[in-house]
Amino acid sequence: AGNMLYPVPAVMVSCAGRDGRKDIVTIAWTGTVCSDPVMV
């Protein structure tokens, strides 16, 4: 068994802490979950 579900989107996820320090992480494991409400 392995994660061989390809292709997947290559996205950059941006975030920040409460102190304002920003970061970007590259994520390939992302996807649509629901359309109402819109969830990912």
PDB file of all heavy atoms in Angstrom:
ATOM      1  N   ALA A   1       0.834  -1.203   0.000  1.00  0.00           N
ATOM      2  CA  ALA A   1       0.000   0.000   0.000  1.00  0.00           C
ATOM      3  C   ALA A   1       0.867   1.251   0.000  1.00  0.00           C
ATOM      4  O   ALA A   1       1.907   1.299   0.659  1.00  0.00           O
ATOM      5  CB  ALA A   1      -0.906  -0.002   1.229  1.00  0.00           C
ATOM      6  N   GLY A   2       0.462   2.256  -0.744  1.00  0.00           N
ATOM      7  CA  GLY A   2       1.204   3.510  -0.822  1.00  0.00           C
ATOM      8  C   GLY A   2       0.350   4.607  -1.413  1.00  0.00           C
ATOM      9  O   GLY A   2      -0.682   4.343  -2.018  1.00  0.00           O
ATOM     10  N   ASN A   3       0.788   5.842  -1.252  1.00  0.00           N
ATOM     11  CA  ASN A   3       0.073   6.989  -1.805  1.00  0.00           C
ATOM     12  C   ASN A   3       0.498   7.215  -3.241  1.00  0.00           C
ATOM     13  O   ASN A   3       1.474   7.890  -3.512  1.00  0.00           O
ATOM     14  CB  ASN A   3       0.336   8.240  -0.960  1.00  0.00           C
ATOM     15  CG  ASN A   3      -0.279   8.134   0.401  1.00  0.00           C
ATOM     16  OD1 ASN A   3      -1.407   7.681   0.524  1.00  0.00           O
ATOM     17  ND2 ASN A   3       0.448   8.516   1.433  1.00  0.00           N
ATOM     18  N   MET A   4      -0.224   6.629  -4.157  1.00  0.00           N
ATOM     19  CA  MET A   4       0.093   6.736  -5.577  1.00  0.00           C
ATOM     20  C   MET A   4      -1.046   7.410  -6.345  1.00  0.00           C
ATOM     21  O   MET A   4      -1.231   7.158  -7.526  1.00  0.00           O
ATOM     22  CB  MET A   4       0.370   5.347  -6.159  1.00  0.00           C
ATOM     23  CG  MET A   4       1.620   4.684  -5.613  1.00  0.00           C
ATOM     24  SD  MET A   4       3.147   5.466  -6.159  1.00  0.00           S
ATOM     25  CE  MET A   4       3.125   5.074  -7.894  1.00  0.00           C
ATOM     26  N   LEU A   5      -1.806   8.241  -5.676  1.00  0.00           N
ATOM     27  CA  LEU A   5      -2.904   8.944  -6.329  1.00  0.00           C
ATOM     28  C   LEU A   5      -2.344  10.216  -6.953  1.00  0.00           C
ATOM     29  O   LEU A   5      -2.164  11.235  -6.283  1.00  0.00           O
ATOM     30  CB  LEU A   5      -3.998   9.284  -5.311  1.00  0.00           C
ATOM     31  CG  LEU A   5      -5.228  10.010  -5.850  1.00  0.00           C
ATOM     32  CD1 LEU A   5      -5.928   9.152  -6.896  1.00  0.00           C
ATOM     33  CD2 LEU A   5      -6.174  10.353  -4.725  1.00  0.00           C
ATOM     34  N   TYR A   6      -2.008  10.147  -8.219  1.00  0.00           N
ATOM     35  CA  TYR A   6      -1.396  11.260  -8.941  1.00  0.00           C
ATOM     36  C   TYR A   6      -2.135  11.499 -10.234  1.00  0.00           C
ATOM     37  O   TYR A   6      -2.739  10.584 -10.772  1.00  0.00           O
ATOM     38  CB  TYR A   6       0.075  10.944  -9.274  1.00  0.00           C
ATOM     39  CG  TYR A   6       0.989  10.880  -8.081  1.00  0.00           C
ATOM     40  CD1 TYR A   6       1.613   9.686  -7.723  1.00  0.00           C
ATOM     41  CD2 TYR A   6       1.233  11.994  -7.302  1.00  0.00           C
ATOM     42  CE1 TYR A   6       2.459   9.623  -6.629  1.00  0.00           C
ATOM     43  CE2 TYR A   6       2.077  11.938  -6.204  1.00  0.00           C
ATOM     44  CZ  TYR A   6       2.687  10.750  -5.872  1.00  0.00           C
ATOM     45  OH  TYR A   6       3.510  10.696  -4.792  1.00  0.00           O
ATOM     46  N   PRO A   7      -2.058  12.689 -10.825  1.00  0.00           N
ATOM     47  CA  PRO A   7      -1.414  13.901 -10.329  1.00  0.00           C
ATOM     48  C   PRO A   7      -2.274  14.582  -9.274  1.00  0.00           C
ATOM     49  O   PRO A   7      -3.469  14.329  -9.161  1.00  0.00           O
ATOM     50  CB  PRO A   7      -1.281  14.771 -11.572  1.00  0.00           C
ATOM     51  CG  PRO A   7      -2.450  14.395 -12.409  1.00  0.00           C
ATOM     52  CD  PRO A   7      -2.661  12.918 -12.144  1.00  0.00           C
ATOM     53  N   VAL A   8      -1.629  15.470  -8.531  1.00  0.00           N
ATOM     54  CA  VAL A   8      -2.300  16.277  -7.511  1.00  0.00           C
ATOM     55  C   VAL A   8      -1.869  17.730  -7.695  1.00  0.00           C
ATOM     56  O   VAL A   8      -0.825  18.004  -8.285  1.00  0.00           O
ATOM     57  CB  VAL A   8      -1.953  15.791  -6.086  1.00  0.00           C
ATOM     58  CG1 VAL A   8      -2.572  14.439  -5.801  1.00  0.00           C
ATOM     59  CG2 VAL A   8      -0.455  15.741  -5.862  1.00  0.00           C
ATOM     60  N   PRO A   9      -2.663  18.676  -7.198  1.00  0.00           N
ATOM     61  CA  PRO A   9      -2.236  20.069  -7.311  1.00  0.00           C
ATOM     62  C   PRO A   9      -0.985  20.324  -6.476  1.00  0.00           C
ATOM     63  O   PRO A   9      -0.833  19.745  -5.405  1.00  0.00           O
ATOM     64  CB  PRO A   9      -3.416  20.867  -6.749  1.00  0.00           C
ATOM     65  CG  PRO A   9      -4.435  19.895  -6.300  1.00  0.00           C
ATOM     66  CD  PRO A   9      -3.936  18.516  -6.528  1.00  0.00           C
ATOM     67  N   ALA A  10      -0.107  21.141  -6.969  1.00  0.00           N
ATOM     68  CA  ALA A  10       1.041  21.620  -6.188  1.00  0.00           C
ATOM     69  C   ALA A  10       0.689  23.039  -5.781  1.00  0.00           C
ATOM     70  O   ALA A  10       0.645  23.934  -6.619  1.00  0.00           O
ATOM     71  CB  ALA A  10       2.307  21.597  -7.027  1.00  0.00           C
ATOM     72  N   VAL A  11       0.398  23.232  -4.492  1.00  0.00           N
ATOM     73  CA  VAL A  11      -0.043  24.543  -4.026  1.00  0.00           C
ATOM     74  C   VAL A  11       0.914  25.075  -2.972  1.00  0.00           C
ATOM     75  O   VAL A  11       1.634  24.309  -2.322  1.00  0.00           O
ATOM     76  CB  VAL A  11      -1.483  24.505  -3.465  1.00  0.00           C
ATOM     77  CG1 VAL A  11      -2.465  24.011  -4.520  1.00  0.00           C
ATOM     78  CG2 VAL A  11      -1.574  23.658  -2.204  1.00  0.00           C
ATOM     79  N   MET A  12       0.914  26.375  -2.814  1.00  0.00           N
ATOM     80  CA  MET A  12       1.636  26.998  -1.714  1.00  0.00           C
ATOM     81  C   MET A  12       0.589  27.462  -0.706  1.00  0.00           C
ATOM     82  O   MET A  12      -0.316  28.230  -1.059  1.00  0.00           O
ATOM     83  CB  MET A  12       2.493  28.164  -2.203  1.00  0.00           C
ATOM     84  CG  MET A  12       3.670  27.711  -3.042  1.00  0.00           C
ATOM     85  SD  MET A  12       4.876  29.018  -3.380  1.00  0.00           S
ATOM     86  CE  MET A  12       3.982  30.030  -4.558  1.00  0.00           C
ATOM     87  N   VAL A  13       0.715  26.970   0.518  1.00  0.00           N
ATOM     88  CA  VAL A  13      -0.202  27.362   1.579  1.00  0.00           C
ATOM     89  C   VAL A  13       0.495  28.420   2.428  1.00  0.00           C
ATOM     90  O   VAL A  13       1.585  28.190   2.958  1.00  0.00           O
ATOM     91  CB  VAL A  13      -0.602  26.139   2.433  1.00  0.00           C
ATOM     92  CG1 VAL A  13      -1.407  26.573   3.655  1.00  0.00           C
ATOM     93  CG2 VAL A  13      -1.411  25.160   1.583  1.00  0.00           C
ATOM     94  N   SER A  14      -0.133  29.576   2.510  1.00  0.00           N
ATOM     95  CA  SER A  14       0.431  30.660   3.325  1.00  0.00           C
ATOM     96  C   SER A  14      -0.325  30.732   4.640  1.00  0.00           C
ATOM     97  O   SER A  14      -1.521  30.451   4.719  1.00  0.00           O
ATOM     98  CB  SER A  14       0.382  31.992   2.572  1.00  0.00           C
ATOM     99  OG  SER A  14      -0.902  32.227   2.030  1.00  0.00           O
ATOM    100  N   CYS A  15       0.417  31.090   5.677  1.00  0.00           N
ATOM    101  CA  CYS A  15      -0.154  31.161   7.023  1.00  0.00           C
ATOM    102  C   CYS A  15       0.673  32.147   7.831  1.00  0.00           C
ATOM    103  O   CYS A  15       1.706  32.637   7.368  1.00  0.00           O
ATOM    104  CB  CYS A  15      -0.154  29.780   7.678  1.00  0.00           C
ATOM    105  SG  CYS A  15       1.448  28.960   7.683  1.00  0.00           S
ATOM    106  N   ALA A  16       0.222  32.432   9.030  1.00  0.00           N
ATOM    107  CA  ALA A  16       0.974  33.328   9.920  1.00  0.00           C
ATOM    108  C   ALA A  16       0.543  33.060  11.348  1.00  0.00           C
ATOM    109  O   ALA A  16      -0.580  32.621  11.609  1.00  0.00           O
ATOM    110  CB  ALA A  16       0.720  34.794   9.566  1.00  0.00           C
ATOM    111  N   GLY A  17       1.453  33.340  12.271  1.00  0.00           N
ATOM    112  CA  GLY A  17       1.136  33.226  13.686  1.00  0.00           C
ATOM    113  C   GLY A  17       0.498  34.498  14.199  1.00  0.00           C
ATOM    114  O   GLY A  17       0.446  35.515  13.505  1.00  0.00           O
ATOM    115  N   ARG A  18       0.039  34.450  15.406  1.00  0.00           N
ATOM    116  CA  ARG A  18      -0.570  35.641  16.023  1.00  0.00           C
ATOM    117  C   ARG A  18       0.439  36.779  16.149  1.00  0.00           C
ATOM    118  O   ARG A  18       0.071  37.950  16.188  1.00  0.00           O
ATOM    119  CB  ARG A  18      -1.145  35.298  17.388  1.00  0.00           C
ATOM    120  CG  ARG A  18      -2.320  34.356  17.321  1.00  0.00           C
ATOM    121  CD  ARG A  18      -3.000  34.202  18.679  1.00  0.00           C
ATOM    122  NE  ARG A  18      -3.891  33.057  18.710  1.00  0.00           N
ATOM    123  CZ  ARG A  18      -5.076  32.999  18.129  1.00  0.00           C
ATOM    124  NH1 ARG A  18      -5.516  34.022  17.455  1.00  0.00           N
ATOM    125  NH2 ARG A  18      -5.814  31.907  18.217  1.00  0.00           N
ATOM    126  N   ASP A  19       1.736  36.427  16.175  1.00  0.00           N
ATOM    127  CA  ASP A  19       2.785  37.444  16.276  1.00  0.00           C
ATOM    128  C   ASP A  19       3.114  38.078  14.923  1.00  0.00           C
ATOM    129  O   ASP A  19       3.964  38.953  14.826  1.00  0.00           O
ATOM    130  CB  ASP A  19       4.057  36.846  16.877  1.00  0.00           C
ATOM    131  CG  ASP A  19       4.682  35.759  16.010  1.00  0.00           C
ATOM    132  OD1 ASP A  19       4.139  35.439  14.922  1.00  0.00           O
ATOM    133  OD2 ASP A  19       5.718  35.213  16.421  1.00  0.00           O
ATOM    134  N   GLY A  20       2.437  37.633  13.857  1.00  0.00           N
ATOM    135  CA  GLY A  20       2.637  38.208  12.527  1.00  0.00           C
ATOM    136  C   GLY A  20       3.690  37.512  11.682  1.00  0.00           C
ATOM    137  O   GLY A  20       3.853  37.842  10.507  1.00  0.00           O
ATOM    138  N   ARG A  21       4.418  36.541  12.240  1.00  0.00           N
ATOM    139  CA  ARG A  21       5.433  35.830  11.453  1.00  0.00           C
ATOM    140  C   ARG A  21       4.748  34.970  10.403  1.00  0.00           C
ATOM    141  O   ARG A  21       3.962  34.084  10.715  1.00  0.00           O
ATOM    142  CB  ARG A  21       6.310  34.981  12.364  1.00  0.00           C
ATOM    143  CG  ARG A  21       7.303  34.145  11.591  1.00  0.00           C
ATOM    144  CD  ARG A  21       8.705  34.403  12.003  1.00  0.00           C
ATOM    145  NE  ARG A  21       9.604  33.696  11.098  1.00  0.00           N
ATOM    146  CZ  ARG A  21      10.646  33.011  11.493  1.00  0.00           C
ATOM    147  NH1 ARG A  21      10.950  32.949  12.766  1.00  0.00           N
ATOM    148  NH2 ARG A  21      11.415  32.419  10.613  1.00  0.00           N
ATOM    149  N   LYS A  22       5.064  35.234   9.134  1.00  0.00           N
ATOM    150  CA  LYS A  22       4.430  34.565   7.999  1.00  0.00           C
ATOM    151  C   LYS A  22       5.265  33.366   7.551  1.00  0.00           C
ATOM    152  O   LYS A  22       6.475  33.342   7.728  1.00  0.00           O
ATOM    153  CB  LYS A  22       4.281  35.538   6.828  1.00  0.00           C
ATOM    154  CG  LYS A  22       3.418  36.735   7.123  1.00  0.00           C
ATOM    155  CD  LYS A  22       3.319  37.689   5.946  1.00  0.00           C
ATOM    156  CE  LYS A  22       4.577  38.429   5.617  1.00  0.00           C
ATOM    157  NZ  LYS A  22       5.052  39.374   6.586  1.00  0.00           N
ATOM    158  N   ASP A  23       4.595  32.405   6.922  1.00  0.00           N
ATOM    159  CA  ASP A  23       5.279  31.252   6.358  1.00  0.00           C
ATOM    160  C   ASP A  23       4.520  30.760   5.135  1.00  0.00           C
ATOM    161  O   ASP A  23       3.345  31.084   4.942  1.00  0.00           O
ATOM    162  CB  ASP A  23       5.404  30.125   7.396  1.00  0.00           C
ATOM    163  CG  ASP A  23       6.366  29.029   6.952  1.00  0.00           C
ATOM    164  OD1 ASP A  23       7.364  29.351   6.261  1.00  0.00           O
ATOM    165  OD2 ASP A  23       6.129  27.858   7.279  1.00  0.00           O
ATOM    166  N   ILE A  24       5.228  29.980   4.335  1.00  0.00           N
ATOM    167  CA  ILE A  24       4.647  29.310   3.170  1.00  0.00           C
ATOM    168  C   ILE A  24       5.093  27.861   3.234  1.00  0.00           C
ATOM    169  O   ILE A  24       6.272  27.585   3.430  1.00  0.00           O
ATOM    170  CB  ILE A  24       5.150  29.920   1.842  1.00  0.00           C
ATOM    171  CG1 ILE A  24       4.824  31.404   1.755  1.00  0.00           C
ATOM    172  CG2 ILE A  24       4.559  29.160   0.651  1.00  0.00           C
ATOM    173  CD1 ILE A  24       5.544  32.127   0.616  1.00  0.00           C
ATOM    174  N   VAL A  25       4.160  26.948   3.057  1.00  0.00           N
ATOM    175  CA  VAL A  25       4.488  25.530   2.973  1.00  0.00           C
ATOM    176  C   VAL A  25       3.911  24.997   1.666  1.00  0.00           C
ATOM    177  O   VAL A  25       2.796  25.346   1.280  1.00  0.00           O
ATOM    178  CB  VAL A  25       3.966  24.737   4.199  1.00  0.00           C
ATOM    179  CG1 VAL A  25       2.461  24.814   4.325  1.00  0.00           C
ATOM    180  CG2 VAL A  25       4.434  23.287   4.163  1.00  0.00           C
ATOM    181  N   THR A  26       4.692  24.187   0.975  1.00  0.00           N
ATOM    182  CA  THR A  26       4.205  23.564  -0.254  1.00  0.00           C
ATOM    183  C   THR A  26       3.448  22.305   0.125  1.00  0.00           C
ATOM    184  O   THR A  26       3.930  21.488   0.904  1.00  0.00           O
ATOM    185  CB  THR A  26       5.372  23.236  -1.190  1.00  0.00           C
ATOM    186  OG1 THR A  26       6.042  24.463  -1.508  1.00  0.00           O
ATOM    187  CG2 THR A  26       4.886  22.585  -2.469  1.00  0.00           C
ATOM    188  N   ILE A  27       2.267  22.163  -0.435  1.00  0.00           N
ATOM    189  CA  ILE A  27       1.384  21.040  -0.127  1.00  0.00           C
ATOM    190  C   ILE A  27       0.936  20.405  -1.440  1.00  0.00           C
ATOM    191  O   ILE A  27       0.506  21.093  -2.358  1.00  0.00           O
ATOM    192  CB  ILE A  27       0.136  21.521   0.658  1.00  0.00           C
ATOM    193  CG1 ILE A  27       0.525  22.170   1.984  1.00  0.00           C
ATOM    194  CG2 ILE A  27      -0.864  20.387   0.838  1.00  0.00           C
ATOM    195  CD1 ILE A  27       0.941  21.228   3.067  1.00  0.00           C
ATOM    196  N   ALA A  28       1.032  19.085  -1.509  1.00  0.00           N
ATOM    197  CA  ALA A  28       0.460  18.353  -2.635  1.00  0.00           C
ATOM    198  C   ALA A  28      -0.776  17.574  -2.185  1.00  0.00           C
ATOM    199  O   ALA A  28      -1.579  17.181  -3.013  1.00  0.00           O
ATOM    200  CB  ALA A  28       1.493  17.411  -3.248  1.00  0.00           C
ATOM    201  N   TRP A  29      -0.924  17.381  -0.899  1.00  0.00           N
ATOM    202  CA  TRP A  29      -2.079  16.650  -0.381  1.00  0.00           C
ATOM    203  C   TRP A  29      -3.144  17.638   0.047  1.00  0.00           C
ATOM    204  O   TRP A  29      -3.251  18.036   1.198  1.00  0.00           O
ATOM    205  CB  TRP A  29      -1.654  15.745   0.769  1.00  0.00           C
ATOM    206  CG  TRP A  29      -0.736  14.647   0.316  1.00  0.00           C
ATOM    207  CD1 TRP A  29      -0.340  14.369  -0.961  1.00  0.00           C
ATOM    208  CD2 TRP A  29      -0.079  13.697   1.130  1.00  0.00           C
ATOM    209  NE1 TRP A  29       0.522  13.307  -0.983  1.00  0.00           N
ATOM    210  CE2 TRP A  29       0.698  12.868   0.287  1.00  0.00           C
ATOM    211  CE3 TRP A  29      -0.060  13.462   2.501  1.00  0.00           C
ATOM    212  CZ2 TRP A  29       1.466  11.828   0.763  1.00  0.00           C
ATOM    213  CZ3 TRP A  29       0.708  12.422   2.978  1.00  0.00           C
ATOM    214  CH2 TRP A  29       1.453  11.610   2.115  1.00  0.00           C
ATOM    215  N   THR A  30      -3.916  18.066  -0.932  1.00  0.00           N
ATOM    216  CA  THR A  30      -5.002  19.019  -0.726  1.00  0.00           C
ATOM    217  C   THR A  30      -6.147  18.645  -1.650  1.00  0.00           C
ATOM    218  O   THR A  30      -5.938  18.006  -2.676  1.00  0.00           O
ATOM    219  CB  THR A  30      -4.524  20.462  -1.001  1.00  0.00           C
ATOM    220  OG1 THR A  30      -5.587  21.366  -0.716  1.00  0.00           O
ATOM    221  CG2 THR A  30      -4.077  20.655  -2.433  1.00  0.00           C
ATOM    222  N   GLY A  31      -7.331  19.045  -1.288  1.00  0.00           N
ATOM    223  CA  GLY A  31      -8.446  18.730  -2.169  1.00  0.00           C
ATOM    224  C   GLY A  31      -9.763  19.298  -1.705  1.00  0.00           C
ATOM    225  O   GLY A  31      -9.903  19.817  -0.597  1.00  0.00           O
ATOM    226  N   THR A  32     -10.739  19.176  -2.585  1.00  0.00           N
ATOM    227  CA  THR A  32     -12.101  19.599  -2.330  1.00  0.00           C
ATOM    228  C   THR A  32     -12.770  18.574  -1.421  1.00  0.00           C
ATOM    229  O   THR A  32     -12.598  17.371  -1.609  1.00  0.00           O
ATOM    230  CB  THR A  32     -12.872  19.699  -3.658  1.00  0.00           C
ATOM    231  OG1 THR A  32     -12.225  20.673  -4.474  1.00  0.00           O
ATOM    232  CG2 THR A  32     -14.309  20.084  -3.447  1.00  0.00           C
ATOM    233  N   VAL A  33     -13.529  19.050  -0.465  1.00  0.00           N
ATOM    234  CA  VAL A  33     -14.231  18.167   0.459  1.00  0.00           C
ATOM    235  C   VAL A  33     -15.737  18.270   0.272  1.00  0.00           C
ATOM    236  O   VAL A  33     -16.445  17.274   0.279  1.00  0.00           O
ATOM    237  CB  VAL A  33     -13.846  18.496   1.924  1.00  0.00           C
ATOM    238  CG1 VAL A  33     -14.672  17.709   2.908  1.00  0.00           C
ATOM    239  CG2 VAL A  33     -12.372  18.253   2.151  1.00  0.00           C
ATOM    240  N   CYS A  34     -16.228  19.498   0.071  1.00  0.00           N
ATOM    241  CA  CYS A  34     -17.671  19.728   0.040  1.00  0.00           C
ATOM    242  C   CYS A  34     -17.947  21.006  -0.746  1.00  0.00           C
ATOM    243  O   CYS A  34     -17.116  21.904  -0.767  1.00  0.00           O
ATOM    244  CB  CYS A  34     -18.146  19.866   1.495  1.00  0.00           C
ATOM    245  SG  CYS A  34     -19.907  19.939   1.735  1.00  0.00           S
ATOM    246  N   SER A  35     -19.120  21.070  -1.380  1.00  0.00           N
ATOM    247  CA  SER A  35     -19.454  22.291  -2.116  1.00  0.00           C
ATOM    248  C   SER A  35     -20.464  23.170  -1.392  1.00  0.00           C
ATOM    249  O   SER A  35     -20.612  24.331  -1.722  1.00  0.00           O
ATOM    250  CB  SER A  35     -19.969  21.950  -3.519  1.00  0.00           C
ATOM    251  OG  SER A  35     -21.104  21.111  -3.434  1.00  0.00           O
ATOM    252  N   ASP A  36     -21.173  22.639  -0.389  1.00  0.00           N
ATOM    253  CA  ASP A  36     -22.125  23.441   0.372  1.00  0.00           C
ATOM    254  C   ASP A  36     -22.174  22.939   1.804  1.00  0.00           C
ATOM    255  O   ASP A  36     -22.835  21.937   2.062  1.00  0.00           O
ATOM    256  CB  ASP A  36     -23.512  23.384  -0.263  1.00  0.00           C
ATOM    257  CG  ASP A  36     -24.484  24.345   0.396  1.00  0.00           C
ATOM    258  OD1 ASP A  36     -24.043  25.271   1.104  1.00  0.00           O
ATOM    259  OD2 ASP A  36     -25.699  24.149   0.220  1.00  0.00           O
ATOM    260  N   PRO A  37     -21.449  23.550   2.746  1.00  0.00           N
ATOM    261  CA  PRO A  37     -20.604  24.727   2.565  1.00  0.00           C
ATOM    262  C   PRO A  37     -19.333  24.372   1.801  1.00  0.00           C
ATOM    263  O   PRO A  37     -18.927  23.209   1.769  1.00  0.00           O
ATOM    264  CB  PRO A  37     -20.271  25.151   3.998  1.00  0.00           C
ATOM    265  CG  PRO A  37     -20.318  23.875   4.783  1.00  0.00           C
ATOM    266  CD  PRO A  37     -21.397  23.041   4.130  1.00  0.00           C
ATOM    267  N   VAL A  38     -18.710  25.383   1.227  1.00  0.00           N
ATOM    268  CA  VAL A  38     -17.496  25.164   0.450  1.00  0.00           C
ATOM    269  C   VAL A  38     -16.369  24.822   1.428  1.00  0.00           C
ATOM    270  O   VAL A  38     -15.996  25.635   2.279  1.00  0.00           O
ATOM    271  CB  VAL A  38     -17.130  26.411  -0.383  1.00  0.00           C
ATOM    272  CG1 VAL A  38     -15.867  26.148  -1.188  1.00  0.00           C
ATOM    273  CG2 VAL A  38     -18.283  26.790  -1.294  1.00  0.00           C
ATOM    274  N   MET A  39     -15.848  23.585   1.289  1.00  0.00           N
ATOM    275  CA  MET A  39     -14.805  23.129   2.208  1.00  0.00           C
ATOM    276  C   MET A  39     -13.698  22.429   1.441  1.00  0.00           C
ATOM    277  O   MET A  39     -13.933  21.822   0.393  1.00  0.00           O
ATOM    278  CB  MET A  39     -15.389  22.197   3.269  1.00  0.00           C
ATOM    279  CG  MET A  39     -16.350  22.907   4.203  1.00  0.00           C
ATOM    280  SD  MET A  39     -16.878  21.878   5.579  1.00  0.00           S
ATOM    281  CE  MET A  39     -15.368  21.825   6.536  1.00  0.00           C
ATOM    282  N   VAL A  40     -12.477  22.555   1.973  1.00  0.00           N
ATOM    283  CA  VAL A  40     -11.284  21.929   1.406  1.00  0.00           C
ATOM    284  C   VAL A  40     -10.498  21.276   2.541  1.00  0.00           C
ATOM    285  O   VAL A  40     -10.824  21.465   3.720  1.00  0.00           O
ATOM    286  CB  VAL A  40     -10.394  22.960   0.676  1.00  0.00           C
ATOM    287  CG1 VAL A  40     -11.090  23.525  -0.556  1.00  0.00           C
ATOM    288  CG2 VAL A  40      -9.975  24.077   1.625  1.00  0.00           C
TER     289      VAL A  40
END
